[in-house]
Amino acid sequence: MSAKELDLLKEKLLAMRQDIFHRLRHLDDGWQELAEKDIEFEEEAQKAELSELYAQLDGREKEEIEAIDLALDKMDALQYGKCEGCGKQIPLPRLQALPATRFCLACGARVEEKKRIPPALP
């Protein structure tokens, strides 16, 4: 994957993250800082703000933000685009469609299937 493609995917992830925050009601203007590109999560004040914000998010939104943040962290660690199931590179078209995905198509299908199958009774 080229640096330009990676930059475009990062911009898309940041836009998705920002969109989620903008959809939430009752957030003051200070929350927009959490969606900006240059955020530093290590600072205590921002950790406190993030914790308060998470308390207002519903479960699905929390999962989306966490997946986006994980993808951004992987970009920083040069691990982005590697399938967590098989370890192979996730094809670029899949990453363009689902930039926060952690799995290739085959592994993602297996993960989703496991979620649908209820556990066996004892």
PDB file of N, CA and C in Angstrom:
ATOM      1  N   MET A   1       0.856  -1.168   0.000  1.00  0.00           N
ATOM      2  CA  MET A   1       0.000   0.000   0.000  1.00  0.00           C
ATOM      3  C   MET A   1       0.904   1.233   0.000  1.00  0.00           C
ATOM      4  N   SER A   2       0.586   2.166  -0.849  1.00  0.00           N
ATOM      5  CA  SER A   2       1.412   3.365  -0.972  1.00  0.00           C
ATOM      6  C   SER A   2       1.126   4.339   0.180  1.00  0.00           C
ATOM      7  N   ALA A   3       2.037   5.266   0.379  1.00  0.00           N
ATOM      8  CA  ALA A   3       1.864   6.274   1.421  1.00  0.00           C
ATOM      9  C   ALA A   3       0.630   7.137   1.142  1.00  0.00           C
ATOM     10  N   LYS A   4       0.380   7.418  -0.129  1.00  0.00           N
ATOM     11  CA  LYS A   4      -0.783   8.221  -0.497  1.00  0.00           C
ATOM     12  C   LYS A   4      -2.081   7.480  -0.161  1.00  0.00           C
ATOM     13  N   GLU A   5      -2.135   6.180  -0.471  1.00  0.00           N
ATOM     14  CA  GLU A   5      -3.326   5.381  -0.146  1.00  0.00           C
ATOM     15  C   GLU A   5      -3.535   5.327   1.358  1.00  0.00           C
ATOM     16  N   LEU A   6      -2.443   5.162   2.102  1.00  0.00           N
ATOM     17  CA  LEU A   6      -2.528   5.127   3.556  1.00  0.00           C
ATOM     18  C   LEU A   6      -3.025   6.465   4.107  1.00  0.00           C
ATOM     19  N   ASP A   7      -2.531   7.568   3.554  1.00  0.00           N
ATOM     20  CA  ASP A   7      -2.990   8.893   3.988  1.00  0.00           C
ATOM     21  C   ASP A   7      -4.482   9.086   3.710  1.00  0.00           C
ATOM     22  N   LEU A   8      -4.941   8.624   2.551  1.00  0.00           N
ATOM     23  CA  LEU A   8      -6.363   8.738   2.220  1.00  0.00           C
ATOM     24  C   LEU A   8      -7.218   7.916   3.178  1.00  0.00           C
ATOM     25  N   LEU A   9      -6.747   6.725   3.531  1.00  0.00           N
ATOM     26  CA  LEU A   9      -7.485   5.892   4.473  1.00  0.00           C
ATOM     27  C   LEU A   9      -7.496   6.528   5.863  1.00  0.00           C
ATOM     28  N   LYS A  10      -6.380   7.124   6.256  1.00  0.00           N
ATOM     29  CA  LYS A  10      -6.323   7.791   7.556  1.00  0.00           C
ATOM     30  C   LYS A  10      -7.301   8.963   7.595  1.00  0.00           C
ATOM     31  N   GLU A  11      -7.336   9.738   6.506  1.00  0.00           N
ATOM     32  CA  GLU A  11      -8.286  10.850   6.426  1.00  0.00           C
ATOM     33  C   GLU A  11      -9.720  10.341   6.517  1.00  0.00           C
ATOM     34  N   LYS A  12      -9.999   9.225   5.876  1.00  0.00           N
ATOM     35  CA  LYS A  12     -11.344   8.655   5.915  1.00  0.00           C
ATOM     36  C   LYS A  12     -11.697   8.201   7.330  1.00  0.00           C
ATOM     37  N   LEU A  13     -10.756   7.547   8.015  1.00  0.00           N
ATOM     38  CA  LEU A  13     -10.988   7.125   9.402  1.00  0.00           C
ATOM     39  C   LEU A  13     -11.247   8.330  10.302  1.00  0.00           C
ATOM     40  N   LEU A  14     -10.446   9.353  10.146  1.00  0.00           N
ATOM     41  CA  LEU A  14     -10.634  10.559  10.960  1.00  0.00           C
ATOM     42  C   LEU A  14     -11.971  11.225  10.661  1.00  0.00           C
ATOM     43  N   ALA A  15     -12.386  11.219   9.400  1.00  0.00           N
ATOM     44  CA  ALA A  15     -13.686  11.790   9.030  1.00  0.00           C
ATOM     45  C   ALA A  15     -14.828  10.964   9.621  1.00  0.00           C
ATOM     46  N   MET A  16     -14.684   9.642   9.586  1.00  0.00           N
ATOM     47  CA  MET A  16     -15.709   8.770  10.173  1.00  0.00           C
ATOM     48  C   MET A  16     -15.818   9.020  11.674  1.00  0.00           C
ATOM     49  N   ARG A  17     -14.672   9.124  12.313  1.00  0.00           N
ATOM     50  CA  ARG A  17     -14.629   9.359  13.762  1.00  0.00           C
ATOM     51  C   ARG A  17     -15.291  10.690  14.089  1.00  0.00           C
ATOM     52  N   GLN A  18     -14.954  11.709  13.321  1.00  0.00           N
ATOM     53  CA  GLN A  18     -15.528  13.028  13.550  1.00  0.00           C
ATOM     54  C   GLN A  18     -17.037  13.012  13.322  1.00  0.00           C
ATOM     55  N   ASP A  19     -17.488  12.307  12.314  1.00  0.00           N
ATOM     56  CA  ASP A  19     -18.914  12.220  12.021  1.00  0.00           C
ATOM     57  C   ASP A  19     -19.688  11.600  13.183  1.00  0.00           C
ATOM     58  N   ILE A  20     -19.131  10.576  13.777  1.00  0.00           N
ATOM     59  CA  ILE A  20     -19.796   9.944  14.923  1.00  0.00           C
ATOM     60  C   ILE A  20     -19.944  10.952  16.051  1.00  0.00           C
ATOM     61  N   PHE A  21     -18.882  11.676  16.322  1.00  0.00           N
ATOM     62  CA  PHE A  21     -18.962  12.670  17.395  1.00  0.00           C
ATOM     63  C   PHE A  21     -19.962  13.777  17.081  1.00  0.00           C
ATOM     64  N   HIS A  22     -20.025  14.192  15.825  1.00  0.00           N
ATOM     65  CA  HIS A  22     -20.958  15.253  15.449  1.00  0.00           C
ATOM     66  C   HIS A  22     -22.408  14.793  15.512  1.00  0.00           C
ATOM     67  N   ARG A  23     -22.652  13.508  15.357  1.00  0.00           N
ATOM     68  CA  ARG A  23     -24.023  12.997  15.415  1.00  0.00           C
ATOM     69  C   ARG A  23     -24.578  12.982  16.834  1.00  0.00           C
ATOM     70  N   LEU A  24     -23.728  12.999  17.787  1.00  0.00           N
ATOM     71  CA  LEU A  24     -24.184  12.918  19.171  1.00  0.00           C
ATOM     72  C   LEU A  24     -24.810  14.237  19.609  1.00  0.00           C
ATOM     73  N   ARG A  25     -25.884  14.122  20.365  1.00  0.00           N
ATOM     74  CA  ARG A  25     -26.542  15.317  20.888  1.00  0.00           C
ATOM     75  C   ARG A  25     -25.929  15.708  22.225  1.00  0.00           C
ATOM     76  N   HIS A  26     -26.143  16.931  22.625  1.00  0.00           N
ATOM     77  CA  HIS A  26     -25.778  17.449  23.941  1.00  0.00           C
ATOM     78  C   HIS A  26     -24.277  17.481  24.202  1.00  0.00           C
ATOM     79  N   LEU A  27     -23.486  17.615  23.154  1.00  0.00           N
ATOM     80  CA  LEU A  27     -22.050  17.741  23.359  1.00  0.00           C
ATOM     81  C   LEU A  27     -21.650  19.182  23.104  1.00  0.00           C
ATOM     82  N   ASP A  28     -20.837  19.739  23.967  1.00  0.00           N
ATOM     83  CA  ASP A  28     -20.426  21.122  23.755  1.00  0.00           C
ATOM     84  C   ASP A  28     -19.279  21.197  22.753  1.00  0.00           C
ATOM     85  N   ASP A  29     -18.896  22.380  22.400  1.00  0.00           N
ATOM     86  CA  ASP A  29     -17.887  22.594  21.367  1.00  0.00           C
ATOM     87  C   ASP A  29     -16.535  21.973  21.723  1.00  0.00           C
ATOM     88  N   GLY A  30     -16.239  21.810  22.985  1.00  0.00           N
ATOM     89  CA  GLY A  30     -14.957  21.243  23.393  1.00  0.00           C
ATOM     90  C   GLY A  30     -14.761  19.808  22.952  1.00  0.00           C
ATOM     91  N   TRP A  31     -15.859  19.094  22.722  1.00  0.00           N
ATOM     92  CA  TRP A  31     -15.730  17.693  22.323  1.00  0.00           C
ATOM     93  C   TRP A  31     -15.146  17.546  20.927  1.00  0.00           C
ATOM     94  N   GLN A  32     -15.258  18.558  20.082  1.00  0.00           N
ATOM     95  CA  GLN A  32     -14.736  18.465  18.723  1.00  0.00           C
ATOM     96  C   GLN A  32     -13.222  18.265  18.715  1.00  0.00           C
ATOM     97  N   GLU A  33     -12.550  18.727  19.761  1.00  0.00           N
ATOM     98  CA  GLU A  33     -11.112  18.530  19.848  1.00  0.00           C
ATOM     99  C   GLU A  33     -10.749  17.043  19.862  1.00  0.00           C
ATOM    100  N   LEU A  34     -11.639  16.229  20.361  1.00  0.00           N
ATOM    101  CA  LEU A  34     -11.352  14.795  20.427  1.00  0.00           C
ATOM    102  C   LEU A  34     -11.298  14.154  19.048  1.00  0.00           C
ATOM    103  N   ALA A  35     -11.915  14.771  18.068  1.00  0.00           N
ATOM    104  CA  ALA A  35     -11.942  14.191  16.725  1.00  0.00           C
ATOM    105  C   ALA A  35     -10.876  14.761  15.799  1.00  0.00           C
ATOM    106  N   GLU A  36     -10.079  15.662  16.290  1.00  0.00           N
ATOM    107  CA  GLU A  36      -9.074  16.283  15.435  1.00  0.00           C
ATOM    108  C   GLU A  36      -7.840  15.395  15.302  1.00  0.00           C
ATOM    109  N   LYS A  37      -7.141  15.599  14.222  1.00  0.00           N
ATOM    110  CA  LYS A  37      -5.993  14.763  13.857  1.00  0.00           C
ATOM    111  C   LYS A  37      -4.858  14.804  14.875  1.00  0.00           C
ATOM    112  N   ASP A  38      -4.587  15.926  15.498  1.00  0.00           N
ATOM    113  CA  ASP A  38      -3.417  16.081  16.354  1.00  0.00           C
ATOM    114  C   ASP A  38      -3.693  15.811  17.831  1.00  0.00           C
ATOM    115  N   ILE A  39      -4.703  15.046  18.154  1.00  0.00           N
ATOM    116  CA  ILE A  39      -5.061  14.776  19.547  1.00  0.00           C
ATOM    117  C   ILE A  39      -3.969  13.970  20.253  1.00  0.00           C
ATOM    118  N   GLU A  40      -3.724  14.266  21.511  1.00  0.00           N
ATOM    119  CA  GLU A  40      -2.772  13.526  22.336  1.00  0.00           C
ATOM    120  C   GLU A  40      -3.551  12.871  23.477  1.00  0.00           C
ATOM    121  N   PHE A  41      -3.730  11.552  23.387  1.00  0.00           N
ATOM    122  CA  PHE A  41      -4.515  10.845  24.395  1.00  0.00           C
ATOM    123  C   PHE A  41      -3.766  10.698  25.717  1.00  0.00           C
ATOM    124  N   GLU A  42      -2.473  10.980  25.742  1.00  0.00           N
ATOM    125  CA  GLU A  42      -1.696  10.779  26.952  1.00  0.00           C
ATOM    126  C   GLU A  42      -1.955  11.839  28.016  1.00  0.00           C
ATOM    127  N   GLU A  43      -2.462  12.958  27.643  1.00  0.00           N
ATOM    128  CA  GLU A  43      -2.685  14.021  28.608  1.00  0.00           C
ATOM    129  C   GLU A  43      -3.903  13.702  29.469  1.00  0.00           C
ATOM    130  N   GLU A  44      -3.751  13.877  30.762  1.00  0.00           N
ATOM    131  CA  GLU A  44      -4.795  13.508  31.717  1.00  0.00           C
ATOM    132  C   GLU A  44      -6.117  14.230  31.479  1.00  0.00           C
ATOM    133  N   ALA A  45      -6.069  15.505  31.156  1.00  0.00           N
ATOM    134  CA  ALA A  45      -7.306  16.253  30.936  1.00  0.00           C
ATOM    135  C   ALA A  45      -8.094  15.660  29.786  1.00  0.00           C
ATOM    136  N   GLN A  46      -7.414  15.270  28.727  1.00  0.00           N
ATOM    137  CA  GLN A  46      -8.104  14.695  27.589  1.00  0.00           C
ATOM    138  C   GLN A  46      -8.628  13.309  27.918  1.00  0.00           C
ATOM    139  N   LYS A  47      -7.907  12.548  28.750  1.00  0.00           N
ATOM    140  CA  LYS A  47      -8.408  11.242  29.165  1.00  0.00           C
ATOM    141  C   LYS A  47      -9.716  11.402  29.931  1.00  0.00           C
ATOM    142  N   ALA A  48      -9.776  12.402  30.786  1.00  0.00           N
ATOM    143  CA  ALA A  48     -11.004  12.643  31.553  1.00  0.00           C
ATOM    144  C   ALA A  48     -12.152  13.023  30.624  1.00  0.00           C
ATOM    145  N   GLU A  49     -11.884  13.897  29.657  1.00  0.00           N
ATOM    146  CA  GLU A  49     -12.916  14.288  28.700  1.00  0.00           C
ATOM    147  C   GLU A  49     -13.388  13.087  27.884  1.00  0.00           C
ATOM    148  N   LEU A  50     -12.458  12.249  27.466  1.00  0.00           N
ATOM    149  CA  LEU A  50     -12.804  11.081  26.674  1.00  0.00           C
ATOM    150  C   LEU A  50     -13.678  10.124  27.484  1.00  0.00           C
ATOM    151  N   SER A  51     -13.352   9.935  28.742  1.00  0.00           N
ATOM    152  CA  SER A  51     -14.156   9.062  29.601  1.00  0.00           C
ATOM    153  C   SER A  51     -15.584   9.576  29.739  1.00  0.00           C
ATOM    154  N   GLU A  52     -15.708  10.888  29.908  1.00  0.00           N
ATOM    155  CA  GLU A  52     -17.042  11.479  30.013  1.00  0.00           C
ATOM    156  C   GLU A  52     -17.814  11.306  28.714  1.00  0.00           C
ATOM    157  N   LEU A  53     -17.139  11.492  27.601  1.00  0.00           N
ATOM    158  CA  LEU A  53     -17.787  11.346  26.305  1.00  0.00           C
ATOM    159  C   LEU A  53     -18.247   9.916  26.085  1.00  0.00           C
ATOM    160  N   TYR A  54     -17.381   8.954  26.407  1.00  0.00           N
ATOM    161  CA  TYR A  54     -17.749   7.547  26.231  1.00  0.00           C
ATOM    162  C   TYR A  54     -18.995   7.184  27.028  1.00  0.00           C
ATOM    163  N   ALA A  55     -19.163   7.806  28.171  1.00  0.00           N
ATOM    164  CA  ALA A  55     -20.343   7.525  28.985  1.00  0.00           C
ATOM    165  C   ALA A  55     -21.625   7.932  28.263  1.00  0.00           C
ATOM    166  N   GLN A  56     -21.514   8.873  27.313  1.00  0.00           N
ATOM    167  CA  GLN A  56     -22.680   9.339  26.581  1.00  0.00           C
ATOM    168  C   GLN A  56     -22.925   8.568  25.288  1.00  0.00           C
ATOM    169  N   LEU A  57     -21.965   7.823  24.860  1.00  0.00           N
ATOM    170  CA  LEU A  57     -22.109   7.088  23.607  1.00  0.00           C
ATOM    171  C   LEU A  57     -22.890   5.802  23.826  1.00  0.00           C
ATOM    172  N   ASP A  58     -23.639   5.382  22.823  1.00  0.00           N
ATOM    173  CA  ASP A  58     -24.285   4.081  22.939  1.00  0.00           C
ATOM    174  C   ASP A  58     -23.274   2.994  22.564  1.00  0.00           C
ATOM    175  N   GLY A  59     -23.608   1.760  22.792  1.00  0.00           N
ATOM    176  CA  GLY A  59     -22.690   0.651  22.569  1.00  0.00           C
ATOM    177  C   GLY A  59     -22.136   0.573  21.163  1.00  0.00           C
ATOM    178  N   ARG A  60     -22.981   0.766  20.161  1.00  0.00           N
ATOM    179  CA  ARG A  60     -22.536   0.679  18.771  1.00  0.00           C
ATOM    180  C   ARG A  60     -21.557   1.794  18.450  1.00  0.00           C
ATOM    181  N   GLU A  61     -21.855   2.980  18.906  1.00  0.00           N
ATOM    182  CA  GLU A  61     -20.967   4.107  18.656  1.00  0.00           C
ATOM    183  C   GLU A  61     -19.626   3.906  19.352  1.00  0.00           C
ATOM    184  N   LYS A  62     -19.665   3.351  20.569  1.00  0.00           N
ATOM    185  CA  LYS A  62     -18.422   3.047  21.276  1.00  0.00           C
ATOM    186  C   LYS A  62     -17.582   2.065  20.474  1.00  0.00           C
ATOM    187  N   GLU A  63     -18.217   1.023  19.968  1.00  0.00           N
ATOM    188  CA  GLU A  63     -17.495   0.027  19.177  1.00  0.00           C
ATOM    189  C   GLU A  63     -16.892   0.646  17.918  1.00  0.00           C
ATOM    190  N   GLU A  64     -17.641   1.529  17.268  1.00  0.00           N
ATOM    191  CA  GLU A  64     -17.139   2.186  16.056  1.00  0.00           C
ATOM    192  C   GLU A  64     -15.925   3.057  16.372  1.00  0.00           C
ATOM    193  N   ILE A  65     -16.020   3.863  17.430  1.00  0.00           N
ATOM    194  CA  ILE A  65     -14.908   4.725  17.825  1.00  0.00           C
ATOM    195  C   ILE A  65     -13.691   3.882  18.193  1.00  0.00           C
ATOM    196  N   GLU A  66     -13.904   2.805  18.947  1.00  0.00           N
ATOM    197  CA  GLU A  66     -12.789   1.941  19.347  1.00  0.00           C
ATOM    198  C   GLU A  66     -12.129   1.290  18.133  1.00  0.00           C
ATOM    199  N   ALA A  67     -12.933   0.859  17.164  1.00  0.00           N
ATOM    200  CA  ALA A  67     -12.379   0.241  15.952  1.00  0.00           C
ATOM    201  C   ALA A  67     -11.579   1.262  15.148  1.00  0.00           C
ATOM    202  N   ILE A  68     -12.090   2.473  15.047  1.00  0.00           N
ATOM    203  CA  ILE A  68     -11.381   3.529  14.327  1.00  0.00           C
ATOM    204  C   ILE A  68     -10.074   3.865  15.032  1.00  0.00           C
ATOM    205  N   ASP A  69     -10.135   4.029  16.353  1.00  0.00           N
ATOM    206  CA  ASP A  69      -8.925   4.352  17.115  1.00  0.00           C
ATOM    207  C   ASP A  69      -7.891   3.237  17.009  1.00  0.00           C
ATOM    208  N   LEU A  70      -8.346   1.989  17.019  1.00  0.00           N
ATOM    209  CA  LEU A  70      -7.434   0.864  16.862  1.00  0.00           C
ATOM    210  C   LEU A  70      -6.760   0.903  15.490  1.00  0.00           C
ATOM    211  N   ALA A  71      -7.539   1.190  14.459  1.00  0.00           N
ATOM    212  CA  ALA A  71      -6.980   1.293  13.108  1.00  0.00           C
ATOM    213  C   ALA A  71      -5.949   2.420  13.028  1.00  0.00           C
ATOM    214  N   LEU A  72      -6.241   3.560  13.646  1.00  0.00           N
ATOM    215  CA  LEU A  72      -5.293   4.674  13.654  1.00  0.00           C
ATOM    216  C   LEU A  72      -4.026   4.311  14.425  1.00  0.00           C
ATOM    217  N   ASP A  73      -4.187   3.605  15.540  1.00  0.00           N
ATOM    218  CA  ASP A  73      -3.021   3.141  16.304  1.00  0.00           C
ATOM    219  C   ASP A  73      -2.178   2.181  15.481  1.00  0.00           C
ATOM    220  N   LYS A  74      -2.845   1.288  14.740  1.00  0.00           N
ATOM    221  CA  LYS A  74      -2.129   0.346  13.886  1.00  0.00           C
ATOM    222  C   LYS A  74      -1.373   1.074  12.782  1.00  0.00           C
ATOM    223  N   MET A  75      -1.955   2.150  12.265  1.00  0.00           N
ATOM    224  CA  MET A  75      -1.250   2.940  11.255  1.00  0.00           C
ATOM    225  C   MET A  75       0.042   3.497  11.837  1.00  0.00           C
ATOM    226  N   ASP A  76      -0.050   4.037  13.044  1.00  0.00           N
ATOM    227  CA  ASP A  76       1.132   4.597  13.699  1.00  0.00           C
ATOM    228  C   ASP A  76       2.196   3.532  13.961  1.00  0.00           C
ATOM    229  N   ALA A  77       1.751   2.308  14.235  1.00  0.00           N
ATOM    230  CA  ALA A  77       2.668   1.201  14.520  1.00  0.00           C
ATOM    231  C   ALA A  77       3.065   0.427  13.258  1.00  0.00           C
ATOM    232  N   LEU A  78       2.641   0.921  12.102  1.00  0.00           N
ATOM    233  CA  LEU A  78       2.929   0.284  10.805  1.00  0.00           C
ATOM    234  C   LEU A  78       2.389  -1.150  10.728  1.00  0.00           C
ATOM    235  N   GLN A  79       1.258  -1.388  11.364  1.00  0.00           N
ATOM    236  CA  GLN A  79       0.612  -2.697  11.355  1.00  0.00           C
ATOM    237  C   GLN A  79      -0.764  -2.665  10.693  1.00  0.00           C
ATOM    238  N   TYR A  80      -1.122  -1.522  10.145  1.00  0.00           N
ATOM    239  CA  TYR A  80      -2.447  -1.359   9.550  1.00  0.00           C
ATOM    240  C   TYR A  80      -2.592  -2.214   8.299  1.00  0.00           C
ATOM    241  N   GLY A  81      -3.770  -2.813   8.168  1.00  0.00           N
ATOM    242  CA  GLY A  81      -4.080  -3.574   6.964  1.00  0.00           C
ATOM    243  C   GLY A  81      -3.744  -5.041   7.058  1.00  0.00           C
ATOM    244  N   LYS A  82      -3.222  -5.477   8.180  1.00  0.00           N
ATOM    245  CA  LYS A  82      -2.897  -6.892   8.368  1.00  0.00           C
ATOM    246  C   LYS A  82      -4.077  -7.575   9.065  1.00  0.00           C
ATOM    247  N   CYS A  83      -4.557  -8.663   8.484  1.00  0.00           N
ATOM    248  CA  CYS A  83      -5.700  -9.395   9.040  1.00  0.00           C
ATOM    249  C   CYS A  83      -5.329 -10.004  10.384  1.00  0.00           C
ATOM    250  N   GLU A  84      -6.176  -9.798  11.381  1.00  0.00           N
ATOM    251  CA  GLU A  84      -5.943 -10.365  12.709  1.00  0.00           C
ATOM    252  C   GLU A  84      -6.252 -11.857  12.757  1.00  0.00           C
ATOM    253  N   GLY A  85      -6.916 -12.362  11.733  1.00  0.00           N
ATOM    254  CA  GLY A  85      -7.241 -13.784  11.698  1.00  0.00           C
ATOM    255  C   GLY A  85      -6.146 -14.618  11.062  1.00  0.00           C
ATOM    256  N   CYS A  86      -5.739 -14.250   9.865  1.00  0.00           N
ATOM    257  CA  CYS A  86      -4.771 -15.059   9.112  1.00  0.00           C
ATOM    258  C   CYS A  86      -3.408 -14.398   8.964  1.00  0.00           C
ATOM    259  N   GLY A  87      -3.315 -13.112   9.293  1.00  0.00           N
ATOM    260  CA  GLY A  87      -2.045 -12.407   9.202  1.00  0.00           C
ATOM    261  C   GLY A  87      -1.702 -11.881   7.817  1.00  0.00           C
ATOM    262  N   LYS A  88      -2.554 -12.153   6.828  1.00  0.00           N
ATOM    263  CA  LYS A  88      -2.290 -11.664   5.468  1.00  0.00           C
ATOM    264  C   LYS A  88      -2.734 -10.216   5.329  1.00  0.00           C
ATOM    265  N   GLN A  89      -2.238  -9.558   4.293  1.00  0.00           N
ATOM    266  CA  GLN A  89      -2.616  -8.182   4.012  1.00  0.00           C
ATOM    267  C   GLN A  89      -4.076  -8.140   3.548  1.00  0.00           C
ATOM    268  N   ILE A  90      -4.853  -7.256   4.127  1.00  0.00           N
ATOM    269  CA  ILE A  90      -6.243  -7.073   3.722  1.00  0.00           C
ATOM    270  C   ILE A  90      -6.227  -6.319   2.388  1.00  0.00           C
ATOM    271  N   PRO A  91      -6.975  -6.783   1.390  1.00  0.00           N
ATOM    272  CA  PRO A  91      -6.973  -6.101   0.088  1.00  0.00           C
ATOM    273  C   PRO A  91      -7.414  -4.642   0.205  1.00  0.00           C
ATOM    274  N   LEU A  92      -6.782  -3.787  -0.577  1.00  0.00           N
ATOM    275  CA  LEU A  92      -7.066  -2.358  -0.551  1.00  0.00           C
ATOM    276  C   LEU A  92      -8.547  -2.031  -0.778  1.00  0.00           C
ATOM    277  N   PRO A  93      -9.244  -2.674  -1.727  1.00  0.00           N
ATOM    278  CA  PRO A  93     -10.667  -2.348  -1.898  1.00  0.00           C
ATOM    279  C   PRO A  93     -11.488  -2.587  -0.616  1.00  0.00           C
ATOM    280  N   ARG A  94     -11.140  -3.612   0.142  1.00  0.00           N
ATOM    281  CA  ARG A  94     -11.852  -3.869   1.404  1.00  0.00           C
ATOM    282  C   ARG A  94     -11.543  -2.756   2.413  1.00  0.00           C
ATOM    283  N   LEU A  95     -10.276  -2.356   2.489  1.00  0.00           N
ATOM    284  CA  LEU A  95      -9.911  -1.280   3.406  1.00  0.00           C
ATOM    285  C   LEU A  95     -10.561   0.037   2.997  1.00  0.00           C
ATOM    286  N   GLN A  96     -10.703   0.260   1.700  1.00  0.00           N
ATOM    287  CA  GLN A  96     -11.353   1.485   1.248  1.00  0.00           C
ATOM    288  C   GLN A  96     -12.835   1.482   1.611  1.00  0.00           C
ATOM    289  N   ALA A  97     -13.461   0.316   1.560  1.00  0.00           N
ATOM    290  CA  ALA A  97     -14.877   0.205   1.908  1.00  0.00           C
ATOM    291  C   ALA A  97     -15.096   0.210   3.417  1.00  0.00           C
ATOM    292  N   LEU A  98     -14.201  -0.465   4.139  1.00  0.00           N
ATOM    293  CA  LEU A  98     -14.300  -0.598   5.594  1.00  0.00           C
ATOM    294  C   LEU A  98     -12.934  -0.294   6.212  1.00  0.00           C
ATOM    295  N   PRO A  99     -12.565   0.972   6.302  1.00  0.00           N
ATOM    296  CA  PRO A  99     -11.205   1.300   6.732  1.00  0.00           C
ATOM    297  C   PRO A  99     -10.853   0.878   8.157  1.00  0.00           C
ATOM    298  N   ALA A 100     -11.835   0.621   8.988  1.00  0.00           N
ATOM    299  CA  ALA A 100     -11.555   0.199  10.363  1.00  0.00           C
ATOM    300  C   ALA A 100     -11.600  -1.322  10.521  1.00  0.00           C
ATOM    301  N   THR A 101     -11.737  -2.063   9.412  1.00  0.00           N
ATOM    302  CA  THR A 101     -11.839  -3.515   9.521  1.00  0.00           C
ATOM    303  C   THR A 101     -10.546  -4.117  10.062  1.00  0.00           C
ATOM    304  N   ARG A 102     -10.697  -5.198  10.801  1.00  0.00           N
ATOM    305  CA  ARG A 102      -9.548  -5.900  11.367  1.00  0.00           C
ATOM    306  C   ARG A 102      -9.297  -7.222  10.661  1.00  0.00           C
ATOM    307  N   PHE A 103     -10.202  -7.594   9.745  1.00  0.00           N
ATOM    308  CA  PHE A 103     -10.135  -8.910   9.137  1.00  0.00           C
ATOM    309  C   PHE A 103     -10.296  -8.840   7.619  1.00  0.00           C
ATOM    310  N   CYS A 104      -9.675  -9.803   6.939  1.00  0.00           N
ATOM    311  CA  CYS A 104      -9.927  -9.977   5.511  1.00  0.00           C
ATOM    312  C   CYS A 104     -11.355 -10.497   5.355  1.00  0.00           C
ATOM    313  N   LEU A 105     -11.822 -10.623   4.147  1.00  0.00           N
ATOM    314  CA  LEU A 105     -13.199 -11.047   3.899  1.00  0.00           C
ATOM    315  C   LEU A 105     -13.480 -12.428   4.490  1.00  0.00           C
ATOM    316  N   ALA A 106     -12.598 -13.387   4.254  1.00  0.00           N
ATOM    317  CA  ALA A 106     -12.823 -14.759   4.730  1.00  0.00           C
ATOM    318  C   ALA A 106     -12.830 -14.824   6.257  1.00  0.00           C
ATOM    319  N   CYS A 107     -11.852 -14.203   6.897  1.00  0.00           N
ATOM    320  CA  CYS A 107     -11.789 -14.229   8.359  1.00  0.00           C
ATOM    321  C   CYS A 107     -12.927 -13.428   8.973  1.00  0.00           C
ATOM    322  N   GLY A 108     -13.295 -12.329   8.335  1.00  0.00           N
ATOM    323  CA  GLY A 108     -14.415 -11.525   8.816  1.00  0.00           C
ATOM    324  C   GLY A 108     -15.724 -12.305   8.769  1.00  0.00           C
ATOM    325  N   ALA A 109     -15.901 -13.099   7.714  1.00  0.00           N
ATOM    326  CA  ALA A 109     -17.111 -13.924   7.602  1.00  0.00           C
ATOM    327  C   ALA A 109     -17.147 -14.962   8.722  1.00  0.00           C
ATOM    328  N   ARG A 110     -15.989 -15.547   9.032  1.00  0.00           N
ATOM    329  CA  ARG A 110     -15.933 -16.536  10.124  1.00  0.00           C
ATOM    330  C   ARG A 110     -16.259 -15.898  11.471  1.00  0.00           C
ATOM    331  N   VAL A 111     -15.744 -14.710  11.702  1.00  0.00           N
ATOM    332  CA  VAL A 111     -16.015 -14.000  12.957  1.00  0.00           C
ATOM    333  C   VAL A 111     -17.506 -13.691  13.075  1.00  0.00           C
ATOM    334  N   GLU A 112     -18.103 -13.194  12.003  1.00  0.00           N
ATOM    335  CA  GLU A 112     -19.530 -12.875  12.013  1.00  0.00           C
ATOM    336  C   GLU A 112     -20.376 -14.128  12.214  1.00  0.00           C
ATOM    337  N   GLU A 113     -19.984 -15.225  11.609  1.00  0.00           N
ATOM    338  CA  GLU A 113     -20.723 -16.481  11.774  1.00  0.00           C
ATOM    339  C   GLU A 113     -20.689 -16.945  13.227  1.00  0.00           C
ATOM    340  N   LYS A 114     -19.548 -16.811  13.868  1.00  0.00           N
ATOM    341  CA  LYS A 114     -19.428 -17.199  15.281  1.00  0.00           C
ATOM    342  C   LYS A 114     -20.326 -16.343  16.167  1.00  0.00           C
ATOM    343  N   LYS A 115     -20.492 -15.073  15.801  1.00  0.00           N
ATOM    344  CA  LYS A 115     -21.357 -14.186  16.581  1.00  0.00           C
ATOM    345  C   LYS A 115     -22.823 -14.591  16.462  1.00  0.00           C
ATOM    346  N   ARG A 116     -23.199 -15.160  15.311  1.00  0.00           N
ATOM    347  CA  ARG A 116     -24.605 -15.532  15.077  1.00  0.00           C
ATOM    348  C   ARG A 116     -24.978 -16.863  15.685  1.00  0.00           C
ATOM    349  N   ILE A 117     -24.026 -17.742  15.840  1.00  0.00           N
ATOM    350  CA  ILE A 117     -24.314 -19.082  16.360  1.00  0.00           C
ATOM    351  C   ILE A 117     -24.336 -19.006  17.893  1.00  0.00           C
ATOM    352  N   PRO A 118     -25.479 -19.345  18.498  1.00  0.00           N
ATOM    353  CA  PRO A 118     -25.545 -19.313  19.956  1.00  0.00           C
ATOM    354  C   PRO A 118     -24.696 -20.443  20.545  1.00  0.00           C
ATOM    355  N   PRO A 119     -24.101 -20.210  21.704  1.00  0.00           N
ATOM    356  CA  PRO A 119     -23.299 -21.266  22.317  1.00  0.00           C
ATOM    357  C   PRO A 119     -24.152 -22.472  22.676  1.00  0.00           C
ATOM    358  N   ALA A 120     -23.549 -23.642  22.643  1.00  0.00           N
ATOM    359  CA  ALA A 120     -24.254 -24.886  22.976  1.00  0.00           C
ATOM    360  C   ALA A 120     -24.611 -24.890  24.459  1.00  0.00           C
ATOM    361  N   LEU A 121     -25.764 -25.452  24.745  1.00  0.00           N
ATOM    362  CA  LEU A 121     -26.191 -25.570  26.140  1.00  0.00           C
ATOM    363  C   LEU A 121     -25.426 -26.703  26.805  1.00  0.00           C
ATOM    364  N   PRO A 122     -25.151 -26.569  28.105  1.00  0.00           N
ATOM    365  CA  PRO A 122     -24.419 -27.639  28.813  1.00  0.00           C
ATOM    366  C   PRO A 122     -25.222 -28.905  28.971  1.00  0.00           C
TER     367      PRO A 122
END
